[in-house]
PDB file of N, CA and C in Angstrom:
ATOM      1  N   UNK A   1       5.598  19.563  13.765  1.00  0.00           N
ATOM      2  CA  UNK A   1       5.413  17.882  14.085  1.00  0.00           C
ATOM      3  C   UNK A   1       6.155  17.635  12.821  1.00  0.00           C
ATOM      4  N   UNK A   2       7.066  16.071  13.034  1.00  0.00           N
ATOM      5  CA  UNK A   2       7.295  15.594  11.718  1.00  0.00           C
ATOM      6  C   UNK A   2       6.277  14.787  11.216  1.00  0.00           C
ATOM      7  N   UNK A   3       6.800  14.624   9.654  1.00  0.00           N
ATOM      8  CA  UNK A   3       6.125  13.881   8.784  1.00  0.00           C
ATOM      9  C   UNK A   3       6.660  12.601   8.446  1.00  0.00           C
ATOM     10  N   UNK A   4       5.656  11.806   7.992  1.00  0.00           N
ATOM     11  CA  UNK A   4       6.088  10.157   7.436  1.00  0.00           C
ATOM     12  C   UNK A   4       5.560  10.032   6.367  1.00  0.00           C
ATOM     13  N   UNK A   5       6.294   8.898   6.032  1.00  0.00           N
ATOM     14  CA  UNK A   5       5.425   8.212   4.385  1.00  0.00           C
ATOM     15  C   UNK A   5       5.031   7.385   4.853  1.00  0.00           C
ATOM     16  N   UNK A   6       4.333   6.962   4.336  1.00  0.00           N
ATOM     17  CA  UNK A   6       3.475   5.549   4.590  1.00  0.00           C
ATOM     18  C   UNK A   6       3.722   4.832   3.117  1.00  0.00           C
ATOM     19  N   UNK A   7       3.895   3.690   2.880  1.00  0.00           N
ATOM     20  CA  UNK A   7       3.652   3.228   1.368  1.00  0.00           C
ATOM     21  C   UNK A   7       3.397   1.941   1.684  1.00  0.00           C
ATOM     22  N   UNK A   8       2.145   1.756   0.924  1.00  0.00           N
ATOM     23  CA  UNK A   8       1.103   0.448   1.058  1.00  0.00           C
ATOM     24  C   UNK A   8       1.257  -0.049  -0.314  1.00  0.00           C
ATOM     25  N   UNK A   9       1.336  -1.372  -0.057  1.00  0.00           N
ATOM     26  CA  UNK A   9       1.362  -2.686  -1.619  1.00  0.00           C
ATOM     27  C   UNK A   9       0.360  -3.511  -1.220  1.00  0.00           C
ATOM     28  N   UNK A  10      -0.769  -2.870  -1.701  1.00  0.00           N
ATOM     29  CA  UNK A  10      -2.020  -3.574  -1.766  1.00  0.00           C
ATOM     30  C   UNK A  10      -2.097  -4.483  -3.161  1.00  0.00           C
ATOM     31  N   UNK A  11      -2.335  -5.823  -2.531  1.00  0.00           N
ATOM     32  CA  UNK A  11      -2.555  -6.884  -3.093  1.00  0.00           C
ATOM     33  C   UNK A  11      -4.052  -7.428  -3.589  1.00  0.00           C
ATOM     34  N   UNK A  12      -4.869  -6.836  -2.529  1.00  0.00           N
ATOM     35  CA  UNK A  12      -6.397  -6.768  -2.474  1.00  0.00           C
ATOM     36  C   UNK A  12      -6.854  -5.113  -3.509  1.00  0.00           C
ATOM     37  N   UNK A  13      -6.653  -5.645  -4.554  1.00  0.00           N
ATOM     38  CA  UNK A  13      -6.946  -4.104  -5.443  1.00  0.00           C
ATOM     39  C   UNK A  13      -8.777  -3.826  -5.482  1.00  0.00           C
ATOM     40  N   UNK A  14      -9.131  -4.813  -4.781  1.00  0.00           N
ATOM     41  CA  UNK A  14     -10.900  -4.382  -5.020  1.00  0.00           C
ATOM     42  C   UNK A  14     -10.914  -3.870  -3.840  1.00  0.00           C
ATOM     43  N   UNK A  15     -10.211  -3.579  -2.921  1.00  0.00           N
ATOM     44  CA  UNK A  15     -10.789  -2.798  -1.593  1.00  0.00           C
ATOM     45  C   UNK A  15      -9.977  -0.965  -1.728  1.00  0.00           C
ATOM     46  N   UNK A  16      -9.357  -0.875  -2.865  1.00  0.00           N
ATOM     47  CA  UNK A  16      -8.872   0.435  -2.971  1.00  0.00           C
ATOM     48  C   UNK A  16      -9.778   1.788  -2.653  1.00  0.00           C
ATOM     49  N   UNK A  17     -10.930   1.637  -3.106  1.00  0.00           N
ATOM     50  CA  UNK A  17     -11.637   2.521  -2.693  1.00  0.00           C
ATOM     51  C   UNK A  17     -11.932   2.507  -1.525  1.00  0.00           C
ATOM     52  N   UNK A  18     -12.531   1.417  -0.923  1.00  0.00           N
ATOM     53  CA  UNK A  18     -13.072   1.648   0.573  1.00  0.00           C
ATOM     54  C   UNK A  18     -11.606   2.175   1.445  1.00  0.00           C
ATOM     55  N   UNK A  19     -10.599   1.640   1.003  1.00  0.00           N
ATOM     56  CA  UNK A  19      -9.502   2.145   1.704  1.00  0.00           C
ATOM     57  C   UNK A  19      -8.980   3.354   1.513  1.00  0.00           C
ATOM     58  N   UNK A  20      -9.366   4.034   0.206  1.00  0.00           N
ATOM     59  CA  UNK A  20      -9.221   5.514   0.393  1.00  0.00           C
ATOM     60  C   UNK A  20     -10.093   6.422   0.939  1.00  0.00           C
ATOM     61  N   UNK A  21     -11.256   5.669   1.015  1.00  0.00           N
ATOM     62  CA  UNK A  21     -12.786   6.873   1.505  1.00  0.00           C
ATOM     63  C   UNK A  21     -12.330   6.645   3.125  1.00  0.00           C
ATOM     64  N   UNK A  22     -11.727   5.467   3.460  1.00  0.00           N
ATOM     65  CA  UNK A  22     -11.656   5.079   4.908  1.00  0.00           C
ATOM     66  C   UNK A  22     -10.541   6.182   5.389  1.00  0.00           C
ATOM     67  N   UNK A  23     -10.019   6.464   4.346  1.00  0.00           N
ATOM     68  CA  UNK A  23      -8.315   7.494   4.674  1.00  0.00           C
ATOM     69  C   UNK A  23      -9.368   8.735   5.002  1.00  0.00           C
ATOM     70  N   UNK A  24      -9.998   9.287   4.251  1.00  0.00           N
ATOM     71  CA  UNK A  24     -10.790  10.330   4.094  1.00  0.00           C
ATOM     72  C   UNK A  24     -11.579  10.427   5.347  1.00  0.00           C
ATOM     73  N   UNK A  25     -12.244   9.414   5.796  1.00  0.00           N
ATOM     74  CA  UNK A  25     -12.746   9.666   6.915  1.00  0.00           C
ATOM     75  C   UNK A  25     -11.973   9.881   8.075  1.00  0.00           C
ATOM     76  N   UNK A  26     -10.585   9.729   8.190  1.00  0.00           N
ATOM     77  CA  UNK A  26     -10.055   9.989   9.281  1.00  0.00           C
ATOM     78  C   UNK A  26      -8.891  11.398   9.309  1.00  0.00           C
ATOM     79  N   UNK A  27      -9.290  12.184   7.903  1.00  0.00           N
ATOM     80  CA  UNK A  27      -8.688  13.471   7.534  1.00  0.00           C
ATOM     81  C   UNK A  27      -7.427  13.510   6.859  1.00  0.00           C
ATOM     82  N   UNK A  28      -7.104  12.404   5.940  1.00  0.00           N
ATOM     83  CA  UNK A  28      -6.389  12.122   4.762  1.00  0.00           C
ATOM     84  C   UNK A  28      -6.874  12.052   3.726  1.00  0.00           C
ATOM     85  N   UNK A  29      -6.239  13.564   3.043  1.00  0.00           N
ATOM     86  CA  UNK A  29      -7.080  13.741   1.926  1.00  0.00           C
ATOM     87  C   UNK A  29      -6.502  13.612   0.676  1.00  0.00           C
ATOM     88  N   UNK A  30      -4.979  13.283   0.666  1.00  0.00           N
ATOM     89  CA  UNK A  30      -4.088  13.211  -0.199  1.00  0.00           C
ATOM     90  C   UNK A  30      -3.497  11.944  -0.494  1.00  0.00           C
ATOM     91  N   UNK A  31      -3.208  11.191  -1.369  1.00  0.00           N
ATOM     92  CA  UNK A  31      -2.379   9.975  -1.624  1.00  0.00           C
ATOM     93  C   UNK A  31      -2.388  10.014  -2.896  1.00  0.00           C
ATOM     94  N   UNK A  32      -1.162   9.196  -3.189  1.00  0.00           N
ATOM     95  CA  UNK A  32      -0.409   8.906  -4.903  1.00  0.00           C
ATOM     96  C   UNK A  32      -0.849   7.350  -4.861  1.00  0.00           C
ATOM     97  N   UNK A  33      -1.444   7.232  -6.208  1.00  0.00           N
ATOM     98  CA  UNK A  33      -1.671   5.428  -6.450  1.00  0.00           C
ATOM     99  C   UNK A  33      -0.968   4.927  -7.397  1.00  0.00           C
ATOM    100  N   UNK A  34      -0.266   4.258  -7.882  1.00  0.00           N
ATOM    101  CA  UNK A  34      -0.258   3.679  -8.805  1.00  0.00           C
ATOM    102  C   UNK A  34       0.320   2.321  -8.822  1.00  0.00           C
ATOM    103  N   UNK A  35       0.029   2.087 -10.591  1.00  0.00           N
ATOM    104  CA  UNK A  35      -0.117   0.742 -10.408  1.00  0.00           C
ATOM    105  C   UNK A  35       0.983  -0.233 -10.444  1.00  0.00           C
ATOM    106  N   UNK A  36       1.165  -1.021  -9.835  1.00  0.00           N
ATOM    107  CA  UNK A  36       2.605  -1.843 -10.114  1.00  0.00           C
ATOM    108  C   UNK A  36       2.521  -3.522  -9.851  1.00  0.00           C
ATOM    109  N   UNK A  37       3.428  -3.950 -10.166  1.00  0.00           N
ATOM    110  CA  UNK A  37       3.654  -5.611 -10.322  1.00  0.00           C
ATOM    111  C   UNK A  37       4.903  -5.905  -9.530  1.00  0.00           C
ATOM    112  N   UNK A  38       4.523  -6.821  -8.895  1.00  0.00           N
ATOM    113  CA  UNK A  38       5.232  -7.882  -8.008  1.00  0.00           C
ATOM    114  C   UNK A  38       6.613  -8.286  -8.854  1.00  0.00           C
ATOM    115  N   UNK A  39       7.615  -8.841  -8.288  1.00  0.00           N
ATOM    116  CA  UNK A  39       8.518  -9.502  -9.339  1.00  0.00           C
ATOM    117  C   UNK A  39       8.326 -10.732  -9.793  1.00  0.00           C
ATOM    118  N   UNK A  40       7.227 -11.676  -8.834  1.00  0.00           N
ATOM    119  CA  UNK A  40       7.255 -12.620  -9.675  1.00  0.00           C
ATOM    120  C   UNK A  40       6.176 -12.608 -10.888  1.00  0.00           C
ATOM    121  N   UNK A  41       5.359 -11.577 -11.092  1.00  0.00           N
ATOM    122  CA  UNK A  41       4.443 -10.903 -12.362  1.00  0.00           C
ATOM    123  C   UNK A  41       5.328 -11.054 -13.341  1.00  0.00           C
ATOM    124  N   UNK A  42       6.274 -10.145 -13.138  1.00  0.00           N
ATOM    125  CA  UNK A  42       7.656  -9.501 -14.168  1.00  0.00           C
ATOM    126  C   UNK A  42       8.604 -11.191 -14.780  1.00  0.00           C
ATOM    127  N   UNK A  43       9.032 -11.574 -13.611  1.00  0.00           N
ATOM    128  CA  UNK A  43       9.479 -13.069 -13.977  1.00  0.00           C
ATOM    129  C   UNK A  43       8.599 -14.339 -14.720  1.00  0.00           C
ATOM    130  N   UNK A  44       7.322 -14.303 -14.153  1.00  0.00           N
ATOM    131  CA  UNK A  44       6.694 -15.345 -14.777  1.00  0.00           C
ATOM    132  C   UNK A  44       6.051 -15.188 -16.481  1.00  0.00           C
ATOM    133  N   UNK A  45       6.199 -13.689 -16.492  1.00  0.00           N
ATOM    134  CA  UNK A  45       5.749 -12.714 -17.809  1.00  0.00           C
ATOM    135  C   UNK A  45       6.578 -12.942 -18.864  1.00  0.00           C
ATOM    136  N   UNK A  46       8.204 -12.964 -18.122  1.00  0.00           N
ATOM    137  CA  UNK A  46       9.276 -12.037 -19.518  1.00  0.00           C
ATOM    138  C   UNK A  46      10.225 -13.618 -19.659  1.00  0.00           C
ATOM    139  N   UNK A  47      10.125 -14.430 -18.618  1.00  0.00           N
ATOM    140  CA  UNK A  47      11.401 -15.574 -18.651  1.00  0.00           C
ATOM    141  C   UNK A  47      10.464 -16.663 -18.469  1.00  0.00           C
ATOM    142  N   UNK A  48      10.409 -17.789 -19.592  1.00  0.00           N
ATOM    143  CA  UNK A  48       9.500 -18.552 -19.540  1.00  0.00           C
ATOM    144  C   UNK A  48      10.064 -19.931 -18.352  1.00  0.00           C
ATOM    145  N   UNK A  49      11.517 -19.709 -17.837  1.00  0.00           N
ATOM    146  CA  UNK A  49      11.709 -20.490 -17.248  1.00  0.00           C
ATOM    147  C   UNK A  49      11.127 -20.681 -15.563  1.00  0.00           C
ATOM    148  N   UNK A  50      10.720 -19.180 -15.215  1.00  0.00           N
ATOM    149  CA  UNK A  50       9.871 -19.178 -14.348  1.00  0.00           C
ATOM    150  C   UNK A  50       8.294 -19.133 -14.450  1.00  0.00           C
ATOM    151  N   UNK A  51       7.651 -19.516 -15.500  1.00  0.00           N
ATOM    152  CA  UNK A  51       6.656 -19.786 -15.595  1.00  0.00           C
ATOM    153  C   UNK A  51       5.513 -20.242 -14.448  1.00  0.00           C
ATOM    154  N   UNK A  52       6.377 -21.276 -13.922  1.00  0.00           N
ATOM    155  CA  UNK A  52       5.630 -22.332 -12.359  1.00  0.00           C
ATOM    156  C   UNK A  52       5.504 -21.485 -11.053  1.00  0.00           C
ATOM    157  N   UNK A  53       6.431 -20.228 -11.471  1.00  0.00           N
ATOM    158  CA  UNK A  53       6.536 -19.385 -10.038  1.00  0.00           C
ATOM    159  C   UNK A  53       5.193 -19.332  -9.305  1.00  0.00           C
ATOM    160  N   UNK A  54       4.097 -18.723 -10.018  1.00  0.00           N
ATOM    161  CA  UNK A  54       3.126 -18.401  -9.245  1.00  0.00           C
ATOM    162  C   UNK A  54       2.427 -19.386  -8.271  1.00  0.00           C
ATOM    163  N   UNK A  55       2.650 -20.610  -8.720  1.00  0.00           N
ATOM    164  CA  UNK A  55       2.298 -21.974  -7.942  1.00  0.00           C
ATOM    165  C   UNK A  55       3.248 -21.903  -6.756  1.00  0.00           C
ATOM    166  N   UNK A  56       4.333 -21.590  -6.223  1.00  0.00           N
ATOM    167  CA  UNK A  56       5.410 -21.327  -5.659  1.00  0.00           C
ATOM    168  C   UNK A  56       4.649 -20.259  -3.981  1.00  0.00           C
ATOM    169  N   UNK A  57       3.775 -19.421  -4.712  1.00  0.00           N
ATOM    170  CA  UNK A  57       3.147 -18.764  -3.899  1.00  0.00           C
ATOM    171  C   UNK A  57       2.046 -18.294  -4.006  1.00  0.00           C
ATOM    172  N   UNK A  58       1.180 -19.085  -3.461  1.00  0.00           N
ATOM    173  CA  UNK A  58      -0.395 -19.035  -3.483  1.00  0.00           C
ATOM    174  C   UNK A  58      -0.908 -17.891  -2.842  1.00  0.00           C
ATOM    175  N   UNK A  59      -1.853 -17.091  -2.968  1.00  0.00           N
ATOM    176  CA  UNK A  59      -2.536 -16.076  -2.412  1.00  0.00           C
ATOM    177  C   UNK A  59      -1.895 -14.886  -2.910  1.00  0.00           C
ATOM    178  N   UNK A  60      -0.796 -14.770  -3.555  1.00  0.00           N
ATOM    179  CA  UNK A  60      -0.210 -13.728  -4.265  1.00  0.00           C
ATOM    180  C   UNK A  60      -0.769 -12.737  -5.393  1.00  0.00           C
ATOM    181  N   UNK A  61      -1.129 -11.663  -5.450  1.00  0.00           N
ATOM    182  CA  UNK A  61      -1.565 -11.344  -6.925  1.00  0.00           C
ATOM    183  C   UNK A  61      -0.655 -10.526  -7.582  1.00  0.00           C
ATOM    184  N   UNK A  62      -1.081 -10.856  -9.140  1.00  0.00           N
ATOM    185  CA  UNK A  62      -0.123 -10.772 -10.184  1.00  0.00           C
ATOM    186  C   UNK A  62       0.073  -9.195 -10.626  1.00  0.00           C
ATOM    187  N   UNK A  63      -1.113  -8.533  -9.989  1.00  0.00           N
ATOM    188  CA  UNK A  63      -1.060  -6.878  -9.777  1.00  0.00           C
ATOM    189  C   UNK A  63      -1.390  -6.271  -8.842  1.00  0.00           C
ATOM    190  N   UNK A  64      -1.175  -5.198  -8.494  1.00  0.00           N
ATOM    191  CA  UNK A  64      -1.252  -4.306  -6.543  1.00  0.00           C
ATOM    192  C   UNK A  64      -1.277  -2.867  -7.469  1.00  0.00           C
ATOM    193  N   UNK A  65      -1.455  -2.018  -6.316  1.00  0.00           N
ATOM    194  CA  UNK A  65      -2.011  -0.758  -6.208  1.00  0.00           C
ATOM    195  C   UNK A  65      -0.937  -0.544  -5.363  1.00  0.00           C
ATOM    196  N   UNK A  66      -0.039   0.216  -5.522  1.00  0.00           N
ATOM    197  CA  UNK A  66       0.943   0.954  -4.623  1.00  0.00           C
ATOM    198  C   UNK A  66       0.712   2.157  -3.939  1.00  0.00           C
ATOM    199  N   UNK A  67       0.507   2.643  -3.179  1.00  0.00           N
ATOM    200  CA  UNK A  67       0.210   3.996  -2.150  1.00  0.00           C
ATOM    201  C   UNK A  67       0.933   4.811  -1.370  1.00  0.00           C
ATOM    202  N   UNK A  68       0.926   6.079  -1.633  1.00  0.00           N
ATOM    203  CA  UNK A  68       2.175   6.663  -1.134  1.00  0.00           C
ATOM    204  C   UNK A  68       1.240   7.807  -0.308  1.00  0.00           C
ATOM    205  N   UNK A  69       1.626   8.029   0.831  1.00  0.00           N
ATOM    206  CA  UNK A  69       0.625   8.934   1.615  1.00  0.00           C
ATOM    207  C   UNK A  69       1.862   9.767   2.563  1.00  0.00           C
ATOM    208  N   UNK A  70       1.853  11.242   2.431  1.00  0.00           N
ATOM    209  CA  UNK A  70       2.454  11.689   3.467  1.00  0.00           C
ATOM    210  C   UNK A  70       1.725  12.222   4.619  1.00  0.00           C
ATOM    211  N   UNK A  71       1.921  12.185   5.608  1.00  0.00           N
ATOM    212  CA  UNK A  71       1.093  12.070   6.892  1.00  0.00           C
ATOM    213  C   UNK A  71       1.600  12.946   7.728  1.00  0.00           C
ATOM    214  N   UNK A  72       1.147  13.443   9.098  1.00  0.00           N
ATOM    215  CA  UNK A  72       1.702  13.816  10.108  1.00  0.00           C
ATOM    216  C   UNK A  72       1.920  12.639  11.276  1.00  0.00           C
ATOM    217  N   UNK A  73       3.233  12.690  11.853  1.00  0.00           N
ATOM    218  CA  UNK A  73       3.575  11.694  12.775  1.00  0.00           C
ATOM    219  C   UNK A  73       2.342  11.176  14.253  1.00  0.00           C
ATOM    220  N   UNK A  74       1.491  11.822  14.155  1.00  0.00           N
ATOM    221  CA  UNK A  74       0.339  11.463  15.222  1.00  0.00           C
ATOM    222  C   UNK A  74      -0.845  10.906  14.399  1.00  0.00           C
ATOM    223  N   UNK A  75      -0.658  10.636  12.923  1.00  0.00           N
ATOM    224  CA  UNK A  75      -1.911   9.558  12.336  1.00  0.00           C
ATOM    225  C   UNK A  75      -1.101   8.492  11.937  1.00  0.00           C
ATOM    226  N   UNK A  76      -0.101   8.128  12.422  1.00  0.00           N
ATOM    227  CA  UNK A  76       0.335   6.924  12.007  1.00  0.00           C
ATOM    228  C   UNK A  76      -0.238   6.036  12.850  1.00  0.00           C
ATOM    229  N   UNK A  77      -0.931   5.618  13.879  1.00  0.00           N
ATOM    230  CA  UNK A  77      -1.789   4.625  14.400  1.00  0.00           C
ATOM    231  C   UNK A  77      -3.108   4.574  13.890  1.00  0.00           C
ATOM    232  N   UNK A  78      -3.751   5.694  13.464  1.00  0.00           N
ATOM    233  CA  UNK A  78      -4.672   5.602  12.652  1.00  0.00           C
ATOM    234  C   UNK A  78      -4.901   5.104  11.580  1.00  0.00           C
ATOM    235  N   UNK A  79      -3.554   5.418  10.568  1.00  0.00           N
ATOM    236  CA  UNK A  79      -3.432   4.782   9.057  1.00  0.00           C
ATOM    237  C   UNK A  79      -3.651   3.304   9.582  1.00  0.00           C
ATOM    238  N   UNK A  80      -2.610   2.585  10.773  1.00  0.00           N
ATOM    239  CA  UNK A  80      -2.725   1.191  10.770  1.00  0.00           C
ATOM    240  C   UNK A  80      -4.043   0.649  11.123  1.00  0.00           C
ATOM    241  N   UNK A  81      -4.877   1.004  11.848  1.00  0.00           N
ATOM    242  CA  UNK A  81      -6.173   0.877  12.279  1.00  0.00           C
ATOM    243  C   UNK A  81      -6.500   0.664  11.161  1.00  0.00           C
ATOM    244  N   UNK A  82      -7.035   1.481  10.427  1.00  0.00           N
ATOM    245  CA  UNK A  82      -7.899   1.694   9.114  1.00  0.00           C
ATOM    246  C   UNK A  82      -7.328   0.851   7.715  1.00  0.00           C
ATOM    247  N   UNK A  83      -6.122   0.369   7.981  1.00  0.00           N
ATOM    248  CA  UNK A  83      -5.593  -0.399   7.123  1.00  0.00           C
ATOM    249  C   UNK A  83      -6.074  -2.041   7.717  1.00  0.00           C
ATOM    250  N   UNK A  84      -5.916  -2.341   9.003  1.00  0.00           N
ATOM    251  CA  UNK A  84      -6.504  -3.798   9.441  1.00  0.00           C
ATOM    252  C   UNK A  84      -8.327  -3.788   9.195  1.00  0.00           C
ATOM    253  N   UNK A  85      -8.509  -2.685   9.717  1.00  0.00           N
ATOM    254  CA  UNK A  85     -10.107  -2.839   9.712  1.00  0.00           C
ATOM    255  C   UNK A  85     -10.260  -2.994   8.089  1.00  0.00           C
ATOM    256  N   UNK A  86      -9.878  -2.167   7.267  1.00  0.00           N
ATOM    257  CA  UNK A  86     -10.492  -2.250   5.371  1.00  0.00           C
ATOM    258  C   UNK A  86      -9.624  -3.678   5.073  1.00  0.00           C
ATOM    259  N   UNK A  87      -8.998  -3.685   5.202  1.00  0.00           N
ATOM    260  CA  UNK A  87      -7.675  -4.792   4.379  1.00  0.00           C
ATOM    261  C   UNK A  87      -7.665  -6.198   5.315  1.00  0.00           C
ATOM    262  N   UNK A  88      -7.956  -6.262   6.497  1.00  0.00           N
ATOM    263  CA  UNK A  88      -7.718  -7.311   7.482  1.00  0.00           C
ATOM    264  C   UNK A  88      -6.022  -7.513   7.713  1.00  0.00           C
ATOM    265  N   UNK A  89      -5.543  -8.795   8.061  1.00  0.00           N
ATOM    266  CA  UNK A  89      -4.290  -8.780   8.697  1.00  0.00           C
ATOM    267  C   UNK A  89      -3.345  -8.453   7.185  1.00  0.00           C
ATOM    268  N   UNK A  90      -2.510  -8.035   7.390  1.00  0.00           N
ATOM    269  CA  UNK A  90      -1.342  -7.967   6.773  1.00  0.00           C
ATOM    270  C   UNK A  90      -0.643  -9.113   7.090  1.00  0.00           C
ATOM    271  N   UNK A  91      -0.149  -9.615   7.823  1.00  0.00           N
ATOM    272  CA  UNK A  91       0.418 -10.746   8.299  1.00  0.00           C
ATOM    273  C   UNK A  91       0.041 -12.301   7.223  1.00  0.00           C
ATOM    274  N   UNK A  92      -1.595 -12.171   7.078  1.00  0.00           N
ATOM    275  CA  UNK A  92      -2.059 -13.469   6.001  1.00  0.00           C
ATOM    276  C   UNK A  92      -1.159 -13.258   4.696  1.00  0.00           C
ATOM    277  N   UNK A  93      -1.010 -14.471   4.237  1.00  0.00           N
ATOM    278  CA  UNK A  93      -0.093 -14.402   3.016  1.00  0.00           C
ATOM    279  C   UNK A  93      -0.624 -14.008   1.649  1.00  0.00           C
ATOM    280  N   UNK A  94      -0.031 -13.001   1.132  1.00  0.00           N
ATOM    281  CA  UNK A  94      -0.675 -12.186  -0.048  1.00  0.00           C
ATOM    282  C   UNK A  94      -1.502 -11.108   0.257  1.00  0.00           C
ATOM    283  N   UNK A  95      -1.492 -10.449   1.349  1.00  0.00           N
ATOM    284  CA  UNK A  95      -2.273  -9.155   1.605  1.00  0.00           C
ATOM    285  C   UNK A  95      -1.435  -8.314   1.628  1.00  0.00           C
ATOM    286  N   UNK A  96      -0.208  -8.264   1.211  1.00  0.00           N
ATOM    287  CA  UNK A  96       0.543  -7.045   0.805  1.00  0.00           C
ATOM    288  C   UNK A  96       1.303  -6.758   1.976  1.00  0.00           C
ATOM    289  N   UNK A  97       1.896  -5.281   1.687  1.00  0.00           N
ATOM    290  CA  UNK A  97       2.709  -5.155   2.954  1.00  0.00           C
ATOM    291  C   UNK A  97       2.661  -3.577   3.104  1.00  0.00           C
ATOM    292  N   UNK A  98       2.773  -2.967   4.230  1.00  0.00           N
ATOM    293  CA  UNK A  98       2.946  -1.499   3.830  1.00  0.00           C
ATOM    294  C   UNK A  98       4.197  -1.231   5.280  1.00  0.00           C
ATOM    295  N   UNK A  99       4.474   0.212   5.148  1.00  0.00           N
ATOM    296  CA  UNK A  99       5.648   0.391   6.109  1.00  0.00           C
ATOM    297  C   UNK A  99       5.627   1.728   6.284  1.00  0.00           C
ATOM    298  N   UNK A 100       6.494   2.265   7.233  1.00  0.00           N
ATOM    299  CA  UNK A 100       6.766   3.769   7.491  1.00  0.00           C
ATOM    300  C   UNK A 100       7.901   4.601   7.670  1.00  0.00           C
ATOM    301  N   UNK A 101       8.387   5.222   6.534  1.00  0.00           N
ATOM    302  CA  UNK A 101       9.493   5.931   6.661  1.00  0.00           C
ATOM    303  C   UNK A 101       9.384   7.626   7.388  1.00  0.00           C
ATOM    304  N   UNK A 102      10.406   7.811   7.900  1.00  0.00           N
ATOM    305  CA  UNK A 102      10.792   9.076   8.614  1.00  0.00           C
ATOM    306  C   UNK A 102      11.070  10.021   7.217  1.00  0.00           C
ATOM    307  N   UNK A 103      10.443  11.568   7.135  1.00  0.00           N
ATOM    308  CA  UNK A 103      10.731  12.116   5.949  1.00  0.00           C
ATOM    309  C   UNK A 103      11.429  13.437   6.556  1.00  0.00           C
ATOM    310  N   UNK A 104      13.125  13.465   6.235  1.00  0.00           N
ATOM    311  CA  UNK A 104      13.994  14.580   6.487  1.00  0.00           C
ATOM    312  C   UNK A 104      13.063  16.396   6.224  1.00  0.00           C
ATOM    313  N   UNK A 105      12.356  16.002   5.161  1.00  0.00           N
ATOM    314  CA  UNK A 105      12.012  16.949   4.544  1.00  0.00           C
ATOM    315  C   UNK A 105      11.013  17.008   3.863  1.00  0.00           C
ATOM    316  N   UNK A 106       9.909  17.905   3.702  1.00  0.00           N
ATOM    317  CA  UNK A 106       8.767  17.660   2.714  1.00  0.00           C
ATOM    318  C   UNK A 106       8.353  19.310   2.189  1.00  0.00           C
ATOM    319  N   UNK A 107       8.427  19.183   0.420  1.00  0.00           N
ATOM    320  CA  UNK A 107       7.730  20.511  -0.322  1.00  0.00           C
ATOM    321  C   UNK A 107       6.651  20.314  -0.500  1.00  0.00           C
ATOM    322  N   UNK A 108       5.627  21.165  -0.566  1.00  0.00           N
ATOM    323  CA  UNK A 108       4.249  21.262  -1.348  1.00  0.00           C
ATOM    324  C   UNK A 108       3.604  20.574  -0.355  1.00  0.00           C
ATOM    325  N   UNK A 109       3.637  20.122   0.773  1.00  0.00           N
ATOM    326  CA  UNK A 109       2.652  19.242   1.615  1.00  0.00           C
ATOM    327  C   UNK A 109       1.896  20.187   1.908  1.00  0.00           C
ATOM    328  N   UNK A 110       0.621  20.305   2.033  1.00  0.00           N
ATOM    329  CA  UNK A 110      -0.430  20.707   2.553  1.00  0.00           C
ATOM    330  C   UNK A 110      -1.297  20.001   3.312  1.00  0.00           C
ATOM    331  N   UNK A 111      -1.236  20.188   5.102  1.00  0.00           N
ATOM    332  CA  UNK A 111      -2.140  19.231   5.642  1.00  0.00           C
ATOM    333  C   UNK A 111      -3.714  19.486   4.887  1.00  0.00           C
ATOM    334  N   UNK A 112      -4.315  18.325   4.613  1.00  0.00           N
ATOM    335  CA  UNK A 112      -5.672  18.363   4.386  1.00  0.00           C
ATOM    336  C   UNK A 112      -5.635  18.205   3.435  1.00  0.00           C
ATOM    337  N   UNK A 113      -4.855  18.372   2.474  1.00  0.00           N
ATOM    338  CA  UNK A 113      -4.534  18.436   0.441  1.00  0.00           C
ATOM    339  C   UNK A 113      -4.694  16.833   0.352  1.00  0.00           C
TER     340      UNK A 113
END
């Protein structure tokens, strides 16, 4: 079965533990989580001319978490359901973004890892 990579940019970082727990409940026990910053945060912090930029994007978060998960193809729908149940709609401004990519190959992946 083919593998997929789910990438989640989670702006609602207070939901991280709930989200990871929900992934465990559907059999996903491996994810990599990194701290990340959006472009607006970097520009407003480092370039004074952009200091008013956050006002142009209400609801966005200055810091977020990026989550990488390698899953089986048949788990994609379950991940989407969990994301929407825990985080709400990603169509709302500032909610974040997630996407799925096909993987040509994976080494070191163990189901249930």
